[in-house]
Amino acid sequence: MSLKKILVTGGAGYIGSHTVLRLLERGYKVSVVDNLERGFHHNVLEGSVFHKLDLAETDKLAEVLEGQDAVIHFAAWTLVGESMAQPEIYFGNNVGGSLSLLKAMLRAGVKKLVFSSSAAVYGIPKESPIVESCPEAPVNPYGESKRMVEIMLRWFDQIHELRSASLRYFNAAGADPQGRLGEEHDPETHLIPLLLRAVETGQPATIFGDDYPTPDGTCIRDYIHVNDLAEAHIRALEWLDGGGATGQYNVGTGQGHSVREVLAAVEAVTGVKVPHTVGPRRAGDPPVLVANPEKLRRTLGWKPQYTGLRGIVETAWNFARRRAAAPQR
């Protein structure tokens, strides 16, 4: 492995910390950059070098990047509703921060990057499963910010020979199987931890819409385990290390599960009926979002290890119980 030193932005967040864990287990030397506005210091793992730094601090970022071999870029804000209310902060943070990172990489001579993108770049797709050649038509500033960074990356490759792999996530879910890391968003917006919270507190979770044109009336999504996502980033690093070209890849299982199927899986794992109510649809929620991950499988040799919904939920429940039993951090 010629790539040995990896800088991870947003490495104190959900997917970032899981990826740092996998990198350390593989023997990489990892530096983490996070401003801790939405990440957690307890997610900074022993064995990594931590820099509390905002991506807007280009000069300091360039100093940290000296001697690094590649970057995995997670640092971004991810709440669709917030992006609709405050688009200015999403373009400033997600796009402006990414541009600052790219400028710092050029100064430090680092020319390989794996980017945390999103299926939100597709907007409301007209076909399913979704392939990478589907039109990019975001319907919210969050998705637009990810698309804008992908556009920048294409130009930085063409002009500066900075090669990148953009991984378009579908629905990240689950937790480290040993319970060391998991979802701790604040506010929490992901379905599985919200249903588990309802089990723990007795406060009903809300299902948004039960009148979609799907078999049971609820939205269908492609749930991808966070460890499988982490593995995809490492495969992308290896691809770039081997001379692979800039590209975009869907990261999903290729299987869709409805909200009611997730609800049933949570009840099966916990043994508890999940208190819930049904609310109106959320604006911009497509009925079905399922990946065609064939390009990722074929090009990077990746395949998901967690292909069943129950296994994903079990890891999330294990983490939720460990967190509930642990002293307050």
Protein backbone atom coordinates (compact mmCIF):
# COMPACT_ATOMS: atom_id res chain seq x y z
CA MET A 1 0.00 0.00 0.00
CA SER A 2 1.62 3.23 -1.12
CA LEU A 3 -1.07 5.35 0.52
CA LYS A 4 -0.18 5.34 4.22
CA LYS A 5 -1.17 8.72 5.64
CA ILE A 6 -4.83 9.66 5.26
CA LEU A 7 -6.48 12.90 6.34
CA VAL A 8 -10.17 12.48 7.20
CA THR A 9 -12.34 15.60 7.39
CA GLY A 10 -15.43 15.21 9.53
CA GLY A 11 -13.82 12.21 11.21
CA ALA A 12 -15.70 12.84 14.47
CA GLY A 13 -19.06 12.33 12.79
CA TYR A 14 -21.14 9.22 12.18
CA ILE A 15 -19.78 7.81 8.92
CA GLY A 16 -16.40 9.52 9.31
CA SER A 17 -15.62 7.90 12.66
CA HIS A 18 -16.59 4.45 11.41
CA THR A 19 -14.27 4.92 8.43
CA VAL A 20 -11.42 6.11 10.67
CA LEU A 21 -11.88 2.95 12.75
CA ARG A 22 -11.61 0.74 9.67
CA LEU A 23 -8.56 2.66 8.40
CA LEU A 24 -6.77 2.26 11.74
CA GLU A 25 -7.57 -1.45 11.78
CA ARG A 26 -5.99 -1.69 8.31
CA GLY A 27 -2.77 -0.05 9.48
CA TYR A 28 -3.21 3.41 7.97
CA LYS A 29 -1.91 6.48 9.78
CA VAL A 30 -4.95 8.71 10.18
CA SER A 31 -5.29 12.42 10.90
CA VAL A 32 -8.75 13.79 11.68
CA VAL A 33 -9.92 17.34 11.00
CA ASP A 34 -13.24 18.33 12.59
CA ASN A 35 -14.54 21.57 14.07
CA LEU A 36 -16.81 19.55 16.43
CA GLU A 37 -19.85 21.69 15.61
CA ARG A 38 -21.76 18.55 14.68
CA GLY A 39 -19.24 15.83 15.44
CA PHE A 40 -18.34 14.52 18.90
CA HIS A 41 -14.97 14.55 20.59
CA HIS A 42 -15.62 11.07 22.00
CA ASN A 43 -15.72 9.83 18.38
CA VAL A 44 -12.08 10.85 17.90
CA LEU A 45 -10.41 7.47 18.08
CA GLU A 46 -7.23 6.55 19.90
CA GLY A 47 -4.47 6.07 17.36
CA SER A 48 -5.54 9.00 15.18
CA VAL A 49 -4.10 12.51 15.27
CA PHE A 50 -6.80 15.11 15.91
CA HIS A 51 -6.89 18.70 14.65
CA LYS A 52 -9.80 20.87 15.78
CA LEU A 53 -10.03 22.95 12.66
CA ASP A 54 -12.63 24.47 10.37
CA LEU A 55 -12.28 23.82 6.66
CA ALA A 56 -12.51 27.55 6.01
CA GLU A 57 -9.05 27.92 7.62
CA THR A 58 -7.20 27.24 4.37
CA ASP A 59 -3.71 28.15 5.56
CA LYS A 60 -3.86 25.95 8.67
CA LEU A 61 -5.43 23.16 6.65
CA ALA A 62 -2.59 23.29 4.13
CA GLU A 63 -0.08 22.89 6.99
CA VAL A 64 -1.94 19.84 8.32
CA LEU A 65 -2.02 18.35 4.81
CA GLU A 66 1.76 18.44 4.41
CA GLY A 67 3.00 14.86 4.12
CA GLN A 68 -0.46 13.33 3.72
CA ASP A 69 -1.06 10.90 0.86
CA ALA A 70 -4.81 11.32 0.35
CA VAL A 71 -7.98 12.83 1.82
CA ILE A 72 -11.38 11.38 2.65
CA HIS A 73 -13.80 14.30 2.83
CA PHE A 74 -16.90 13.86 5.02
CA ALA A 75 -17.18 17.30 6.61
CA ALA A 76 -20.56 18.74 5.63
CA TRP A 77 -23.97 19.65 6.98
CA THR A 78 -26.60 17.13 5.97
CA LEU A 79 -30.10 18.19 7.08
CA VAL A 80 -32.40 18.64 4.09
CA GLY A 81 -35.00 20.65 6.01
CA GLU A 82 -32.37 22.98 7.42
CA SER A 83 -30.94 23.48 3.93
CA MET A 84 -34.38 24.56 2.70
CA ALA A 85 -34.62 27.11 5.52
CA GLN A 86 -31.01 28.33 5.36
CA PRO A 87 -29.49 27.62 1.96
CA GLU A 88 -26.81 30.23 2.54
CA ILE A 89 -25.14 28.24 5.33
CA TYR A 90 -25.20 25.04 3.25
CA PHE A 91 -23.52 26.62 0.26
CA GLY A 92 -21.09 28.42 2.55
CA ASN A 93 -20.16 25.34 4.59
CA ASN A 94 -20.48 22.46 2.13
CA VAL A 95 -19.31 24.19 -1.05
CA GLY A 96 -17.10 26.91 0.40
CA GLY A 97 -15.49 24.50 2.86
CA SER A 98 -14.81 21.98 0.10
CA LEU A 99 -13.23 24.66 -2.10
CA SER A 100 -10.98 25.69 0.78
CA LEU A 101 -9.97 22.05 1.23
CA LEU A 102 -9.15 21.66 -2.46
CA LYS A 103 -7.03 24.82 -2.42
CA ALA A 104 -5.17 23.53 0.64
CA MET A 105 -4.62 20.16 -1.05
CA LEU A 106 -3.08 21.85 -4.07
CA ARG A 107 -0.72 23.84 -1.85
CA ALA A 108 0.35 20.65 -0.05
CA GLY A 109 0.64 18.61 -3.25
CA VAL A 110 -2.05 16.08 -2.24
CA LYS A 111 -3.84 14.86 -5.39
CA LYS A 112 -6.20 12.07 -4.29
CA LEU A 113 -9.58 12.55 -2.63
CA VAL A 114 -12.60 10.40 -1.77
CA PHE A 115 -15.70 12.57 -1.45
CA SER A 116 -18.78 11.87 0.65
CA SER A 117 -21.54 12.69 -1.83
CA SER A 118 -25.22 11.75 -1.77
CA ALA A 119 -28.07 10.24 -3.75
CA ALA A 120 -29.67 13.67 -3.19
CA VAL A 121 -27.83 14.79 -6.35
CA TYR A 122 -30.48 12.90 -8.34
CA GLY A 123 -33.46 14.71 -6.82
CA ILE A 124 -36.65 12.82 -7.67
CA PRO A 125 -35.46 10.19 -10.15
CA LYS A 126 -37.62 9.01 -13.02
CA GLU A 127 -36.26 5.47 -12.93
CA SER A 128 -35.39 2.88 -10.31
CA PRO A 129 -32.95 1.40 -9.46
CA ILE A 130 -30.87 4.52 -10.00
CA VAL A 131 -27.72 4.36 -12.11
CA GLU A 132 -24.97 6.98 -12.14
CA SER A 133 -25.97 8.20 -15.60
CA CYS A 134 -29.40 9.33 -14.31
CA PRO A 135 -29.88 13.11 -14.58
CA GLU A 136 -28.59 15.16 -11.67
CA ALA A 137 -31.52 17.34 -10.59
CA PRO A 138 -31.37 18.14 -6.86
CA VAL A 139 -34.56 19.40 -5.23
CA ASN A 140 -32.97 20.97 -2.15
CA PRO A 141 -29.86 23.05 -1.35
CA TYR A 142 -28.23 20.12 0.44
CA GLY A 143 -28.32 17.97 -2.70
CA GLU A 144 -27.31 20.94 -4.82
CA SER A 145 -24.29 21.56 -2.58
CA LYS A 146 -23.11 17.98 -3.12
CA ARG A 147 -23.61 18.29 -6.87
CA MET A 148 -21.63 21.54 -6.93
CA VAL A 149 -18.69 19.88 -5.16
CA GLU A 150 -18.77 17.01 -7.67
CA ILE A 151 -18.62 19.59 -10.48
CA MET A 152 -15.62 21.25 -8.83
CA LEU A 153 -13.90 17.89 -8.54
CA ARG A 154 -14.32 17.19 -12.26
CA TRP A 155 -12.69 20.51 -13.11
CA PHE A 156 -9.89 20.08 -10.55
CA ASP A 157 -9.10 16.75 -12.18
CA GLN A 158 -9.09 18.23 -15.67
CA ILE A 159 -7.01 21.28 -14.75
CA HIS A 160 -4.96 20.24 -11.70
CA GLU A 161 -4.88 16.42 -12.09
CA LEU A 162 -6.47 16.01 -8.66
CA ARG A 163 -8.21 12.65 -8.94
CA SER A 164 -11.30 11.81 -6.91
CA ALA A 165 -14.00 9.26 -6.25
CA SER A 166 -17.43 10.64 -5.32
CA LEU A 167 -19.52 8.14 -3.37
CA ARG A 168 -23.24 8.81 -3.64
CA TYR A 169 -24.74 7.36 -0.48
CA PHE A 170 -28.25 6.10 -0.18
CA ASN A 171 -29.57 5.60 3.40
CA ALA A 172 -26.68 5.09 5.83
CA ALA A 173 -27.74 2.96 8.78
CA GLY A 174 -26.53 0.69 11.57
CA ALA A 175 -23.55 0.90 13.90
CA ASP A 176 -20.22 -0.70 14.66
CA PRO A 177 -21.07 -4.35 15.49
CA GLN A 178 -19.06 -4.12 18.73
CA GLY A 179 -21.05 -1.09 19.84
CA ARG A 180 -18.07 1.25 19.91
CA LEU A 181 -19.62 3.80 17.52
CA GLY A 182 -23.08 4.59 16.21
CA GLU A 183 -25.55 7.30 15.21
CA GLU A 184 -25.70 10.30 17.53
CA HIS A 185 -27.07 13.06 15.32
CA ASP A 186 -28.49 16.13 17.03
CA PRO A 187 -31.19 16.55 15.93
CA GLU A 188 -31.70 12.95 14.84
CA THR A 189 -33.44 12.59 11.47
CA HIS A 190 -32.70 8.99 10.45
CA LEU A 191 -35.51 6.47 10.66
CA ILE A 192 -33.90 3.54 12.51
CA PRO A 193 -32.50 5.50 15.50
CA LEU A 194 -35.77 7.43 15.74
CA LEU A 195 -37.74 4.18 15.95
CA LEU A 196 -35.30 2.82 18.54
CA ARG A 197 -35.65 6.03 20.54
CA ALA A 198 -39.43 5.53 20.50
CA VAL A 199 -38.90 2.03 21.90
CA GLU A 200 -36.66 3.39 24.68
CA THR A 201 -38.77 6.42 25.64
CA GLY A 202 -42.31 5.40 24.74
CA GLN A 203 -42.69 8.67 22.84
CA PRO A 204 -44.24 7.98 19.41
CA ALA A 205 -42.13 8.30 16.26
CA THR A 206 -43.71 9.87 13.20
CA ILE A 207 -44.07 8.09 9.86
CA PHE A 208 -44.27 10.73 7.15
CA GLY A 209 -46.92 9.65 4.68
CA ASP A 210 -48.70 6.34 4.15
CA ASP A 211 -50.29 7.17 0.81
CA TYR A 212 -47.35 6.75 -1.55
CA PRO A 213 -47.72 4.58 -4.68
CA THR A 214 -45.83 1.69 -3.03
CA PRO A 215 -47.09 -1.73 -1.87
CA ASP A 216 -47.78 -0.57 1.72
CA GLY A 217 -48.10 3.16 1.09
CA THR A 218 -44.83 4.18 2.77
CA CYS A 219 -41.55 5.34 1.21
CA ILE A 220 -39.04 2.74 0.05
CA ARG A 221 -35.35 3.34 0.65
CA ASP A 222 -32.05 1.50 0.18
CA TYR A 223 -30.45 1.02 3.62
CA ILE A 224 -26.68 0.58 3.55
CA HIS A 225 -24.77 -0.41 6.68
CA VAL A 226 -22.23 2.17 7.83
CA ASN A 227 -19.43 -0.44 7.87
CA ASP A 228 -20.15 -1.26 4.22
CA LEU A 229 -19.98 2.47 3.49
CA ALA A 230 -16.63 2.68 5.30
CA GLU A 231 -15.33 -0.23 3.24
CA ALA A 232 -16.41 1.53 0.05
CA HIS A 233 -14.22 4.51 0.99
CA ILE A 234 -11.21 2.29 1.51
CA ARG A 235 -11.82 0.53 -1.82
CA ALA A 236 -12.05 3.95 -3.46
CA LEU A 237 -8.71 4.94 -1.90
CA GLU A 238 -7.15 1.76 -3.26
CA TRP A 239 -8.64 2.47 -6.67
CA LEU A 240 -7.11 5.95 -6.80
CA ASP A 241 -3.81 4.60 -5.45
CA GLY A 242 -3.70 2.16 -8.33
CA GLY A 243 -4.14 4.92 -10.90
CA GLY A 244 -7.94 4.80 -11.13
CA ALA A 245 -9.69 7.70 -12.82
CA THR A 246 -12.05 10.24 -11.30
CA GLY A 247 -15.57 8.84 -11.07
CA GLN A 248 -18.92 8.81 -9.29
CA TYR A 249 -20.39 5.72 -7.63
CA ASN A 250 -23.70 4.81 -6.04
CA VAL A 251 -23.28 3.13 -2.66
CA GLY A 252 -26.29 1.01 -1.76
CA THR A 253 -27.38 -2.60 -1.58
CA GLY A 254 -29.71 -2.51 -4.57
CA GLN A 255 -32.58 -3.61 -2.30
CA GLY A 256 -35.40 -1.37 -1.15
CA HIS A 257 -37.29 -1.54 2.16
CA SER A 258 -40.39 0.42 3.07
CA VAL A 259 -40.81 2.41 6.26
CA ARG A 260 -43.28 -0.18 7.52
CA GLU A 261 -40.78 -2.96 6.80
CA VAL A 262 -38.18 -1.09 8.87
CA LEU A 263 -40.78 -0.68 11.63
CA ALA A 264 -41.43 -4.43 11.58
CA ALA A 265 -37.68 -5.17 11.71
CA VAL A 266 -37.24 -2.91 14.74
CA GLU A 267 -40.13 -4.64 16.50
CA ALA A 268 -38.66 -8.07 15.68
CA VAL A 269 -35.21 -7.12 17.02
CA THR A 270 -36.37 -5.31 20.17
CA GLY A 271 -39.41 -7.43 20.94
CA VAL A 272 -41.38 -4.22 21.54
CA LYS A 273 -44.22 -2.64 19.59
CA VAL A 274 -42.93 0.70 18.33
CA PRO A 275 -45.24 3.58 19.30
CA HIS A 276 -45.79 5.68 16.22
CA THR A 277 -48.13 8.06 14.47
CA VAL A 278 -48.66 8.79 10.78
CA GLY A 279 -48.10 12.35 9.61
CA PRO A 280 -48.32 14.05 6.23
CA ARG A 281 -45.72 13.53 3.53
CA ARG A 282 -42.59 15.64 3.68
CA ALA A 283 -42.10 17.91 0.69
CA GLY A 284 -39.66 16.50 -1.83
CA ASP A 285 -39.67 12.91 -0.55
CA PRO A 286 -39.67 10.55 -3.57
CA PRO A 287 -41.71 7.35 -3.21
CA VAL A 288 -38.74 5.11 -4.03
CA LEU A 289 -34.95 5.58 -3.84
CA VAL A 290 -32.97 2.43 -4.58
CA ALA A 291 -29.40 2.24 -5.89
CA ASN A 292 -28.00 0.25 -8.72
CA PRO A 293 -24.53 -0.32 -7.20
CA GLU A 294 -23.18 -2.39 -10.10
CA LYS A 295 -20.56 0.20 -11.11
CA LEU A 296 -19.10 0.15 -7.59
CA ARG A 297 -19.11 -3.66 -7.50
CA ARG A 298 -17.55 -3.98 -10.94
CA THR A 299 -14.96 -1.19 -10.73
CA LEU A 300 -13.88 -1.28 -7.08
CA GLY A 301 -14.63 -4.92 -6.24
CA TRP A 302 -16.96 -3.86 -3.42
CA LYS A 303 -20.00 -5.72 -2.18
CA PRO A 304 -22.09 -5.20 0.96
CA GLN A 305 -21.66 -7.56 3.88
CA TYR A 306 -24.96 -6.50 5.45
CA THR A 307 -27.69 -7.34 2.97
CA GLY A 308 -30.53 -7.97 5.42
CA LEU A 309 -32.49 -5.27 7.20
CA ARG A 310 -32.62 -7.17 10.49
CA GLY A 311 -28.81 -7.39 10.75
CA ILE A 312 -28.53 -3.63 10.27
CA VAL A 313 -31.15 -2.94 12.94
CA GLU A 314 -29.45 -5.35 15.37
CA THR A 315 -26.20 -3.37 15.26
CA ALA A 316 -28.06 -0.10 15.82
CA TRP A 317 -30.00 -1.58 18.78
CA ASN A 318 -26.81 -2.94 20.30
CA PHE A 319 -25.26 0.53 20.17
CA ALA A 320 -28.41 2.18 21.56
CA ARG A 321 -28.44 -0.16 24.56
CA ARG A 322 -24.73 0.31 25.24
CA ARG A 323 -25.11 4.09 25.07
CA ALA A 324 -28.11 4.00 27.43
CA ALA A 325 -26.13 1.92 29.94
CA ALA A 326 -22.96 4.00 29.77
CA PRO A 327 -22.20 6.99 32.03
CA GLN A 328 -23.18 10.33 30.52
CA ARG A 329 -20.39 11.66 28.33
